[in-house]
Amino acid sequence: MQIAVRRLRVRRIRRLILTVGVLLLALVGVALLPQGLHRGALTVATADGAAPASGVVQGRVSATRSGDRACFSVAAAQGRVLLEFPEGWSADTGLRLLDAAGQTRVRPGTVMAFLGVPGAVGTVPGCAGSGRIWTVTDVRLPSLRR
C-alpha cells in the first residue's frame, strides 16, 4: 500500500514539473514573438496630414544621424531636397528608412523616386543643413527610360 501511495506522489510531482515546464516554455515563446509594429530605433522628420502626391523627386539618397534622429535627403537635379515622411515611419541604426509596417523602403546610397508634395526652401527640425523640403507620400524605384 505504501508503494502505491509513493507512486501516486511521484506521478503528481512529475505532472507538476511537466506542467510548470510547459508553461515556462510558452511564456518564453510569447516573449520572443514580435510585439506590434517594428519601429526603428531612430525617428525621422514627419509631416502633418497627408496631401495627395503632386510630384516626384528622384536622386541618390543620403542619410545622416543627429542624436536619435535620422535625416534623409536627395541629391536631385534642382539641388538638395530634404525629406519628411508619413507618421509612423522611422529608421534603424543602419540608417535604413522603415515604413509604418517596419518594411525597409530606402537604403542610403540608392537612387530612389519619392512621390509627394514640394514645400518651401528651409530646414527640417533636428537636422543640419537646408534645402527644398519634400513631403513624401510614397517611395518607388525609379523607372528606367531608354
Protein backbone atom coordinates (compact mmCIF):
# COMPACT_ATOMS: atom_id res chain seq x y z
CA MET A 1 0.00 0.00 0.00
CA GLN A 2 2.79 2.45 0.83
CA ILE A 3 4.41 1.68 -2.51
CA ALA A 4 1.21 2.62 -4.32
CA VAL A 5 0.97 5.90 -2.37
CA ARG A 6 4.61 6.71 -3.23
CA ARG A 7 3.95 6.03 -6.92
CA LEU A 8 0.95 8.38 -6.87
CA ARG A 9 3.02 11.11 -5.22
CA VAL A 10 5.82 10.66 -7.75
CA ARG A 11 3.29 10.86 -10.62
CA ARG A 12 1.81 14.07 -9.19
CA ILE A 13 5.26 15.61 -8.80
CA ARG A 14 6.18 14.62 -12.38
CA ARG A 15 2.94 16.11 -13.71
CA LEU A 16 3.51 19.31 -11.75
CA ILE A 17 7.09 19.63 -13.03
CA LEU A 18 5.96 18.92 -16.61
CA THR A 19 3.12 21.46 -16.36
CA VAL A 20 5.42 24.16 -14.95
CA GLY A 21 7.98 23.42 -17.69
CA VAL A 22 5.37 23.70 -20.45
CA LEU A 23 4.06 26.97 -19.00
CA LEU A 24 7.58 28.43 -18.78
CA LEU A 25 8.29 27.37 -22.36
CA ALA A 26 5.06 29.01 -23.53
CA LEU A 27 5.88 32.24 -21.67
CA VAL A 28 9.37 32.39 -23.18
CA GLY A 29 7.89 31.74 -26.64
CA VAL A 30 5.38 34.56 -26.28
CA ALA A 31 8.08 36.93 -25.01
CA LEU A 32 10.21 36.23 -28.09
CA LEU A 33 7.39 36.90 -30.56
CA PRO A 34 7.48 40.28 -32.31
CA GLN A 35 5.34 42.79 -30.49
CA GLY A 36 3.34 45.21 -32.66
CA LEU A 37 4.89 47.19 -35.46
CA HIS A 38 8.62 47.04 -35.99
CA ARG A 39 9.66 50.59 -35.39
CA GLY A 40 13.22 51.62 -35.88
CA ALA A 41 15.39 52.98 -33.11
CA LEU A 42 15.62 56.42 -34.77
CA THR A 43 12.95 59.00 -35.52
CA VAL A 44 12.63 60.75 -38.88
CA ALA A 45 11.10 64.07 -39.84
CA THR A 46 7.36 63.64 -40.30
CA ALA A 47 4.74 65.85 -41.90
CA ASP A 48 1.32 66.75 -40.52
CA GLY A 49 -1.58 65.40 -42.57
CA ALA A 50 -1.44 63.59 -45.88
CA ALA A 51 -1.88 65.61 -49.05
CA PRO A 52 -2.17 63.78 -52.36
CA ALA A 53 1.08 63.43 -54.27
CA SER A 54 1.57 66.25 -56.78
CA GLY A 55 5.08 65.49 -57.97
CA VAL A 56 8.12 63.28 -57.87
CA VAL A 57 11.71 63.94 -56.88
CA GLN A 58 14.38 61.45 -57.82
CA GLY A 59 18.01 61.11 -56.87
CA ARG A 60 20.65 59.43 -54.74
CA VAL A 61 19.58 59.21 -51.11
CA SER A 62 21.86 60.27 -48.30
CA ALA A 63 21.21 59.86 -44.59
CA THR A 64 22.83 61.33 -41.52
CA ARG A 65 22.27 60.79 -37.84
CA SER A 66 21.77 63.53 -35.30
CA GLY A 67 21.23 62.02 -31.83
CA ASP A 68 18.14 59.80 -32.06
CA ARG A 69 17.05 61.38 -35.38
CA ALA A 70 17.86 60.15 -38.88
CA CYS A 71 17.81 62.83 -41.56
CA PHE A 72 17.24 61.88 -45.19
CA SER A 73 17.92 63.99 -48.26
CA VAL A 74 18.15 63.53 -52.01
CA ALA A 75 20.73 64.98 -54.35
CA ALA A 76 18.31 65.96 -57.14
CA ALA A 77 18.85 67.93 -60.34
CA GLN A 78 17.38 71.05 -58.67
CA GLY A 79 19.68 70.78 -55.63
CA ARG A 80 19.43 69.25 -52.19
CA VAL A 81 15.95 68.09 -51.17
CA LEU A 82 15.14 67.38 -47.50
CA LEU A 83 12.61 64.61 -46.95
CA GLU A 84 9.68 64.46 -44.50
CA PHE A 85 7.77 61.19 -44.16
CA PRO A 86 4.30 60.00 -43.14
CA GLU A 87 3.56 59.46 -39.44
CA GLY A 88 4.82 56.10 -38.17
CA TRP A 89 7.91 55.92 -40.40
CA SER A 90 11.29 55.56 -38.70
CA ALA A 91 14.87 54.47 -39.34
CA ASP A 92 17.05 51.74 -37.93
CA THR A 93 20.61 52.21 -36.67
CA GLY A 94 21.93 51.30 -40.14
CA LEU A 95 20.06 54.42 -41.39
CA ARG A 96 17.63 52.35 -43.43
CA LEU A 97 14.23 54.02 -43.77
CA LEU A 98 11.34 51.90 -42.43
CA ASP A 99 7.67 52.43 -43.25
CA ALA A 100 4.93 52.15 -40.63
CA ALA A 101 4.81 48.36 -41.09
CA GLY A 102 8.56 48.05 -40.41
CA GLN A 103 9.50 47.27 -44.03
CA THR A 104 12.75 48.71 -45.36
CA ARG A 105 11.89 51.28 -48.02
CA VAL A 106 15.21 53.07 -48.63
CA ARG A 107 18.90 52.42 -48.07
CA PRO A 108 21.37 55.30 -48.18
CA GLY A 109 23.28 55.50 -51.46
CA THR A 110 20.49 54.13 -53.65
CA VAL A 111 18.73 56.13 -56.33
CA MET A 112 15.04 56.34 -55.50
CA ALA A 113 11.93 58.22 -56.62
CA PHE A 114 9.85 59.93 -53.93
CA LEU A 115 6.22 60.76 -54.67
CA GLY A 116 4.96 63.68 -52.67
CA VAL A 117 4.39 67.38 -52.29
CA PRO A 118 7.09 70.04 -52.70
CA GLY A 119 7.43 72.65 -50.00
CA ALA A 120 9.42 75.78 -49.37
CA VAL A 121 13.17 76.01 -49.01
CA GLY A 122 14.06 75.65 -45.36
CA THR A 123 15.32 73.30 -42.67
CA VAL A 124 13.90 70.16 -41.09
CA PRO A 125 13.76 70.18 -37.25
CA GLY A 126 16.60 68.17 -35.75
CA CYS A 127 18.59 68.01 -38.99
CA ALA A 128 21.54 70.06 -40.21
CA GLY A 129 21.53 71.97 -43.48
CA SER A 130 18.82 73.43 -45.62
CA GLY A 131 17.17 72.69 -48.93
CA ARG A 132 13.81 72.26 -50.62
CA ILE A 133 11.51 70.38 -48.22
CA TRP A 134 9.65 67.46 -49.78
CA THR A 135 6.72 65.77 -48.03
CA VAL A 136 6.89 62.12 -49.09
CA THR A 137 3.73 60.10 -49.71
CA ASP A 138 5.38 57.02 -51.24
CA VAL A 139 8.78 55.67 -52.28
CA ARG A 140 9.43 53.88 -55.56
CA LEU A 141 12.34 52.57 -57.55
CA PRO A 142 12.89 55.00 -60.42
CA SER A 143 11.68 53.93 -63.83
CA LEU A 144 14.39 53.49 -66.42
CA ARG A 145 13.68 55.43 -69.61
CA ARG A 146 15.51 54.49 -72.77
